Amino acid sequence: MHQTGRSILIAVRLMIVFIVVLGIAYPLLITGIGQAFFHSKANGSLLQDRNGQTVGSALLGQSFSDAQGNPLPQYFQPRPSAVNYDGSDSGGSNQGPENPALIADITQRKAQIAAFNGVPESEVPPDAVTASGSGLDPDISPAYAAIQVNRVAKARGLSVDQVQALVAKYTTGPDLGFIGESRVNVVQLNLALDELR
């Protein structure tokens, strides 16, 4: 009986130590490091306009369309979204590559994107017609950005060179120089276009 009571006391003391170390001290340390060295990322990579209003996050895609869902020509368009860019409902379509509905959607999107941007369907890259796994990807390929440059420049009354310079500014190379692909953050790019006014 004496041994059992002692074991329980040791177990309770260990539990208290682990609660303090792993439940309080460690989370506070990690939060402090995040706030001190990665403040923007730790707080959601929020983007603000020139008035200081939060207009989104660099990590979450947005729709740049009118109330009827038509894409706005003065903005670069993101990848399609299976969840209409709703952050509370992240997810993909879960349709396989042989799914007739997905094939029909891709065919329709390719024709619409080609017509909207005034390019042949053969120039429409895969990311322009396929949604990401989360439905919230803020990035597009440089190839998709390139077919949109002329349309955006014309709609905004800017030179193609001005728009291409902004695309280049918001193009990020592969992580660590070799992981993944180059990408363009559409949310940051469109915010920068709005700030040109």
C-alpha atoms as a PDB file:
ATOM      1  CA  MET A   1       0.000   0.000   0.000  1.00  0.00           C
ATOM      2  CA  HIS A   2       2.844   2.357   0.870  1.00  0.00           C
ATOM      3  CA  GLN A   3       4.513   1.622  -2.490  1.00  0.00           C
ATOM      4  CA  THR A   4       1.279   2.371  -4.414  1.00  0.00           C
ATOM      5  CA  GLY A   5       0.843   5.740  -2.693  1.00  0.00           C
ATOM      6  CA  ARG A   6       4.423   6.654  -3.486  1.00  0.00           C
ATOM      7  CA  SER A   7       3.981   5.678  -7.164  1.00  0.00           C
ATOM      8  CA  ILE A   8       0.843   7.819  -7.407  1.00  0.00           C
ATOM      9  CA  LEU A   9       2.686  10.790  -5.881  1.00  0.00           C
ATOM     10  CA  ILE A  10       5.567  10.407  -8.367  1.00  0.00           C
ATOM     11  CA  ALA A  11       3.084  10.150 -11.243  1.00  0.00           C
ATOM     12  CA  VAL A  12       1.253  13.310 -10.128  1.00  0.00           C
ATOM     13  CA  ARG A  13       4.522  15.234  -9.775  1.00  0.00           C
ATOM     14  CA  LEU A  14       5.655  14.099 -13.253  1.00  0.00           C
ATOM     15  CA  MET A  15       2.290  15.075 -14.698  1.00  0.00           C
ATOM     16  CA  ILE A  16       2.590  18.574 -13.183  1.00  0.00           C
ATOM     17  CA  VAL A  17       6.148  18.944 -14.515  1.00  0.00           C
ATOM     18  CA  PHE A  18       5.090  17.870 -18.019  1.00  0.00           C
ATOM     19  CA  ILE A  19       2.059  20.204 -17.961  1.00  0.00           C
ATOM     20  CA  VAL A  20       4.285  23.139 -17.005  1.00  0.00           C
ATOM     21  CA  VAL A  21       7.065  22.294 -19.485  1.00  0.00           C
ATOM     22  CA  LEU A  22       5.067  21.013 -22.475  1.00  0.00           C
ATOM     23  CA  GLY A  23       1.735  22.717 -21.901  1.00  0.00           C
ATOM     24  CA  ILE A  24       2.922  26.182 -20.850  1.00  0.00           C
ATOM     25  CA  ALA A  25       6.655  26.846 -21.253  1.00  0.00           C
ATOM     26  CA  TYR A  26       7.152  25.235 -24.682  1.00  0.00           C
ATOM     27  CA  PRO A  27       4.116  26.903 -26.357  1.00  0.00           C
ATOM     28  CA  LEU A  28       5.137  30.278 -24.884  1.00  0.00           C
ATOM     29  CA  LEU A  29       8.708  29.837 -26.141  1.00  0.00           C
ATOM     30  CA  ILE A  30       7.604  28.896 -29.664  1.00  0.00           C
ATOM     31  CA  THR A  31       5.049  31.729 -29.769  1.00  0.00           C
ATOM     32  CA  GLY A  32       7.705  34.181 -28.594  1.00  0.00           C
ATOM     33  CA  ILE A  33      10.184  33.024 -31.250  1.00  0.00           C
ATOM     34  CA  GLY A  34       7.480  33.277 -33.906  1.00  0.00           C
ATOM     35  CA  GLN A  35       6.493  36.785 -32.863  1.00  0.00           C
ATOM     36  CA  ALA A  36      10.082  37.983 -32.553  1.00  0.00           C
ATOM     37  CA  PHE A  37      11.571  36.553 -35.744  1.00  0.00           C
ATOM     38  CA  PHE A  38       8.597  35.740 -38.024  1.00  0.00           C
ATOM     39  CA  HIS A  39       5.996  38.302 -36.939  1.00  0.00           C
ATOM     40  CA  SER A  40       4.134  38.602 -40.257  1.00  0.00           C
ATOM     41  CA  LYS A  41       4.013  34.867 -40.919  1.00  0.00           C
ATOM     42  CA  ALA A  42       3.045  34.046 -37.337  1.00  0.00           C
ATOM     43  CA  ASN A  43       0.076  36.399 -37.658  1.00  0.00           C
ATOM     44  CA  GLY A  44      -1.268  35.045 -40.948  1.00  0.00           C
ATOM     45  CA  SER A  45       0.754  37.009 -43.552  1.00  0.00           C
ATOM     46  CA  LEU A  46      -1.975  39.642 -43.632  1.00  0.00           C
ATOM     47  CA  LEU A  47      -1.969  42.186 -46.460  1.00  0.00           C
ATOM     48  CA  GLN A  48      -2.992  45.801 -46.017  1.00  0.00           C
ATOM     49  CA  ASP A  49      -3.869  48.446 -48.564  1.00  0.00           C
ATOM     50  CA  ARG A  50      -2.433  51.971 -48.471  1.00  0.00           C
ATOM     51  CA  ASN A  51      -5.092  52.983 -45.915  1.00  0.00           C
ATOM     52  CA  GLY A  52      -4.008  50.266 -43.505  1.00  0.00           C
ATOM     53  CA  GLN A  53      -7.135  48.171 -44.132  1.00  0.00           C
ATOM     54  CA  THR A  54      -6.564  44.414 -44.060  1.00  0.00           C
ATOM     55  CA  VAL A  55      -7.570  43.125 -47.493  1.00  0.00           C
ATOM     56  CA  GLY A  56      -6.534  39.484 -47.246  1.00  0.00           C
ATOM     57  CA  SER A  57      -3.679  37.130 -46.640  1.00  0.00           C
ATOM     58  CA  ALA A  58      -0.756  36.286 -48.892  1.00  0.00           C
ATOM     59  CA  LEU A  59      -1.488  32.647 -48.030  1.00  0.00           C
ATOM     60  CA  LEU A  60      -5.119  32.498 -49.193  1.00  0.00           C
ATOM     61  CA  GLY A  61      -6.460  32.899 -52.722  1.00  0.00           C
ATOM     62  CA  GLN A  62      -9.329  35.255 -53.464  1.00  0.00           C
ATOM     63  CA  SER A  63     -11.879  35.600 -56.204  1.00  0.00           C
ATOM     64  CA  PHE A  64     -11.455  38.650 -58.432  1.00  0.00           C
ATOM     65  CA  SER A  65     -14.888  38.626 -60.026  1.00  0.00           C
ATOM     66  CA  ASP A  66     -18.098  40.637 -60.061  1.00  0.00           C
ATOM     67  CA  ALA A  67     -21.313  39.803 -58.201  1.00  0.00           C
ATOM     68  CA  GLN A  68     -22.387  37.439 -60.997  1.00  0.00           C
ATOM     69  CA  GLY A  69     -19.096  35.526 -60.805  1.00  0.00           C
ATOM     70  CA  ASN A  70     -17.638  36.980 -64.013  1.00  0.00           C
ATOM     71  CA  PRO A  71     -13.859  37.528 -63.869  1.00  0.00           C
ATOM     72  CA  LEU A  72     -12.826  41.186 -63.723  1.00  0.00           C
ATOM     73  CA  PRO A  73     -10.504  42.027 -66.643  1.00  0.00           C
ATOM     74  CA  GLN A  74      -8.399  44.514 -64.637  1.00  0.00           C
ATOM     75  CA  TYR A  75      -7.232  41.775 -62.267  1.00  0.00           C
ATOM     76  CA  PHE A  76      -5.064  38.703 -62.648  1.00  0.00           C
ATOM     77  CA  GLN A  77      -7.236  35.663 -62.134  1.00  0.00           C
ATOM     78  CA  PRO A  78      -6.345  32.862 -59.698  1.00  0.00           C
ATOM     79  CA  ARG A  79      -6.671  29.140 -60.148  1.00  0.00           C
ATOM     80  CA  PRO A  80     -10.221  27.770 -60.050  1.00  0.00           C
ATOM     81  CA  SER A  81     -11.501  26.884 -56.598  1.00  0.00           C
ATOM     82  CA  ALA A  82     -13.698  23.912 -55.707  1.00  0.00           C
ATOM     83  CA  VAL A  83     -14.804  25.827 -52.569  1.00  0.00           C
ATOM     84  CA  ASN A  84     -15.219  29.329 -54.015  1.00  0.00           C
ATOM     85  CA  TYR A  85     -12.191  30.557 -52.035  1.00  0.00           C
ATOM     86  CA  ASP A  86     -14.017  30.010 -48.727  1.00  0.00           C
ATOM     87  CA  GLY A  87     -11.343  29.592 -46.047  1.00  0.00           C
ATOM     88  CA  SER A  88     -13.775  27.830 -43.713  1.00  0.00           C
ATOM     89  CA  ASP A  89     -14.500  25.153 -46.330  1.00  0.00           C
ATOM     90  CA  SER A  90     -11.065  24.230 -47.667  1.00  0.00           C
ATOM     91  CA  GLY A  91     -10.901  21.246 -50.004  1.00  0.00           C
ATOM     92  CA  GLY A  92     -10.654  19.984 -53.539  1.00  0.00           C
ATOM     93  CA  SER A  93     -13.229  18.520 -55.901  1.00  0.00           C
ATOM     94  CA  ASN A  94     -11.917  14.988 -55.246  1.00  0.00           C
ATOM     95  CA  GLN A  95     -12.550  14.107 -58.889  1.00  0.00           C
ATOM     96  CA  GLY A  96     -10.091  11.772 -60.564  1.00  0.00           C
ATOM     97  CA  PRO A  97      -8.447  12.494 -63.935  1.00  0.00           C
ATOM     98  CA  GLU A  98     -10.882  10.175 -65.761  1.00  0.00           C
ATOM     99  CA  ASN A  99     -13.992  11.761 -64.230  1.00  0.00           C
ATOM    100  CA  PRO A 100     -16.268  12.957 -67.072  1.00  0.00           C
ATOM    101  CA  ALA A 101     -17.425  15.989 -65.041  1.00  0.00           C
ATOM    102  CA  LEU A 102     -13.818  17.085 -64.422  1.00  0.00           C
ATOM    103  CA  ILE A 103     -12.917  16.608 -68.082  1.00  0.00           C
ATOM    104  CA  ALA A 104     -15.943  18.687 -69.109  1.00  0.00           C
ATOM    105  CA  ASP A 105     -15.024  21.420 -66.578  1.00  0.00           C
ATOM    106  CA  ILE A 106     -11.438  21.552 -67.829  1.00  0.00           C
ATOM    107  CA  THR A 107     -12.550  21.742 -71.466  1.00  0.00           C
ATOM    108  CA  GLN A 108     -14.995  24.546 -70.669  1.00  0.00           C
ATOM    109  CA  ARG A 109     -12.494  26.467 -68.534  1.00  0.00           C
ATOM    110  CA  LYS A 110      -9.801  26.207 -71.200  1.00  0.00           C
ATOM    111  CA  ALA A 111     -12.118  27.724 -73.839  1.00  0.00           C
ATOM    112  CA  GLN A 112     -13.271  30.498 -71.474  1.00  0.00           C
ATOM    113  CA  ILE A 113      -9.756  31.413 -70.342  1.00  0.00           C
ATOM    114  CA  ALA A 114      -8.418  31.438 -73.886  1.00  0.00           C
ATOM    115  CA  ALA A 115     -11.258  33.721 -75.037  1.00  0.00           C
ATOM    116  CA  PHE A 116     -10.993  35.999 -71.978  1.00  0.00           C
ATOM    117  CA  ASN A 117      -7.261  36.486 -72.468  1.00  0.00           C
ATOM    118  CA  GLY A 118      -7.240  36.487 -76.274  1.00  0.00           C
ATOM    119  CA  VAL A 119      -4.846  33.555 -76.602  1.00  0.00           C
ATOM    120  CA  PRO A 120      -5.077  30.158 -78.304  1.00  0.00           C
ATOM    121  CA  GLU A 121      -6.293  27.290 -76.126  1.00  0.00           C
ATOM    122  CA  SER A 122      -2.897  25.630 -76.574  1.00  0.00           C
ATOM    123  CA  GLU A 123      -1.311  28.438 -74.482  1.00  0.00           C
ATOM    124  CA  VAL A 124      -3.575  27.899 -71.465  1.00  0.00           C
ATOM    125  CA  PRO A 125      -1.442  26.181 -68.781  1.00  0.00           C
ATOM    126  CA  PRO A 126      -2.752  23.337 -66.584  1.00  0.00           C
ATOM    127  CA  ASP A 127      -3.003  25.416 -63.399  1.00  0.00           C
ATOM    128  CA  ALA A 128      -5.435  27.780 -65.137  1.00  0.00           C
ATOM    129  CA  VAL A 129      -8.011  25.017 -65.519  1.00  0.00           C
ATOM    130  CA  THR A 130      -7.446  22.824 -62.435  1.00  0.00           C
ATOM    131  CA  ALA A 131      -8.196  23.674 -58.827  1.00  0.00           C
ATOM    132  CA  SER A 132      -5.641  23.155 -56.084  1.00  0.00           C
ATOM    133  CA  GLY A 133      -6.136  20.540 -53.377  1.00  0.00           C
ATOM    134  CA  SER A 134      -7.195  23.188 -50.874  1.00  0.00           C
ATOM    135  CA  GLY A 135      -9.159  25.427 -53.233  1.00  0.00           C
ATOM    136  CA  LEU A 136      -7.328  28.353 -51.596  1.00  0.00           C
ATOM    137  CA  ASP A 137      -4.009  28.481 -53.464  1.00  0.00           C
ATOM    138  CA  PRO A 138      -2.965  32.141 -53.888  1.00  0.00           C
ATOM    139  CA  ASP A 139      -0.311  31.294 -56.479  1.00  0.00           C
ATOM    140  CA  ILE A 140      -0.364  30.711 -60.221  1.00  0.00           C
ATOM    141  CA  SER A 141       2.383  29.667 -62.596  1.00  0.00           C
ATOM    142  CA  PRO A 142       4.418  32.305 -64.443  1.00  0.00           C
ATOM    143  CA  ALA A 143       2.934  30.844 -67.658  1.00  0.00           C
ATOM    144  CA  TYR A 144      -0.617  31.585 -66.468  1.00  0.00           C
ATOM    145  CA  ALA A 145       0.401  35.089 -65.405  1.00  0.00           C
ATOM    146  CA  ALA A 146       2.047  35.679 -68.809  1.00  0.00           C
ATOM    147  CA  ILE A 147      -1.153  35.036 -70.781  1.00  0.00           C
ATOM    148  CA  GLN A 148      -2.990  37.575 -68.583  1.00  0.00           C
ATOM    149  CA  VAL A 149      -0.509  40.472 -68.872  1.00  0.00           C
ATOM    150  CA  ASN A 150      -1.906  42.046 -72.055  1.00  0.00           C
ATOM    151  CA  ARG A 151      -5.514  41.897 -70.823  1.00  0.00           C
ATOM    152  CA  VAL A 152      -4.680  43.485 -67.456  1.00  0.00           C
ATOM    153  CA  ALA A 153      -2.485  46.174 -69.046  1.00  0.00           C
ATOM    154  CA  LYS A 154      -5.240  47.112 -71.509  1.00  0.00           C
ATOM    155  CA  ALA A 155      -7.993  47.136 -68.845  1.00  0.00           C
ATOM    156  CA  ARG A 156      -5.934  49.377 -66.550  1.00  0.00           C
ATOM    157  CA  GLY A 157      -4.432  51.637 -69.216  1.00  0.00           C
ATOM    158  CA  LEU A 158      -0.910  50.559 -68.258  1.00  0.00           C
ATOM    159  CA  SER A 159       1.973  49.549 -70.472  1.00  0.00           C
ATOM    160  CA  VAL A 160       2.719  45.862 -70.891  1.00  0.00           C
ATOM    161  CA  ASP A 161       6.214  46.550 -69.505  1.00  0.00           C
ATOM    162  CA  GLN A 162       4.762  48.009 -66.278  1.00  0.00           C
ATOM    163  CA  VAL A 163       2.561  44.979 -65.731  1.00  0.00           C
ATOM    164  CA  GLN A 164       5.353  42.524 -66.590  1.00  0.00           C
ATOM    165  CA  ALA A 165       7.623  44.278 -64.077  1.00  0.00           C
ATOM    166  CA  LEU A 166       5.017  43.785 -61.345  1.00  0.00           C
ATOM    167  CA  VAL A 167       4.592  40.129 -62.302  1.00  0.00           C
ATOM    168  CA  ALA A 168       8.360  39.679 -62.036  1.00  0.00           C
ATOM    169  CA  LYS A 169       8.366  41.400 -58.628  1.00  0.00           C
ATOM    170  CA  TYR A 170       5.748  38.999 -57.239  1.00  0.00           C
ATOM    171  CA  THR A 171       7.249  35.873 -58.793  1.00  0.00           C
ATOM    172  CA  THR A 172       8.955  33.586 -56.308  1.00  0.00           C
ATOM    173  CA  GLY A 173      11.409  30.896 -57.341  1.00  0.00           C
ATOM    174  CA  PRO A 174      11.429  27.329 -56.033  1.00  0.00           C
ATOM    175  CA  ASP A 175      11.869  26.982 -52.265  1.00  0.00           C
ATOM    176  CA  LEU A 176      15.552  26.638 -51.370  1.00  0.00           C
ATOM    177  CA  GLY A 177      16.255  26.992 -55.079  1.00  0.00           C
ATOM    178  CA  PHE A 178      15.136  23.477 -56.011  1.00  0.00           C
ATOM    179  CA  ILE A 179      11.915  22.497 -54.201  1.00  0.00           C
ATOM    180  CA  GLY A 180       8.746  23.071 -56.215  1.00  0.00           C
ATOM    181  CA  GLU A 181       8.153  25.463 -59.093  1.00  0.00           C
ATOM    182  CA  SER A 182       8.295  29.212 -59.611  1.00  0.00           C
ATOM    183  CA  ARG A 183       5.014  30.880 -58.744  1.00  0.00           C
ATOM    184  CA  VAL A 184       3.252  34.255 -58.802  1.00  0.00           C
ATOM    185  CA  ASN A 185       1.174  35.384 -55.812  1.00  0.00           C
ATOM    186  CA  VAL A 186      -2.038  36.703 -57.377  1.00  0.00           C
ATOM    187  CA  VAL A 187      -3.341  38.385 -54.210  1.00  0.00           C
ATOM    188  CA  GLN A 188      -0.154  40.421 -53.699  1.00  0.00           C
ATOM    189  CA  LEU A 189       0.098  41.199 -57.416  1.00  0.00           C
ATOM    190  CA  ASN A 190      -3.473  42.507 -57.638  1.00  0.00           C
ATOM    191  CA  LEU A 191      -3.004  44.585 -54.498  1.00  0.00           C
ATOM    192  CA  ALA A 192       0.146  46.118 -56.024  1.00  0.00           C
ATOM    193  CA  LEU A 193      -1.809  46.909 -59.207  1.00  0.00           C
ATOM    194  CA  ASP A 194      -4.464  48.701 -57.143  1.00  0.00           C
ATOM    195  CA  GLU A 195      -1.751  50.661 -55.335  1.00  0.00           C
ATOM    196  CA  LEU A 196      -0.463  52.065 -58.673  1.00  0.00           C
ATOM    197  CA  ARG A 197      -3.390  54.484 -58.827  1.00  0.00           C
END
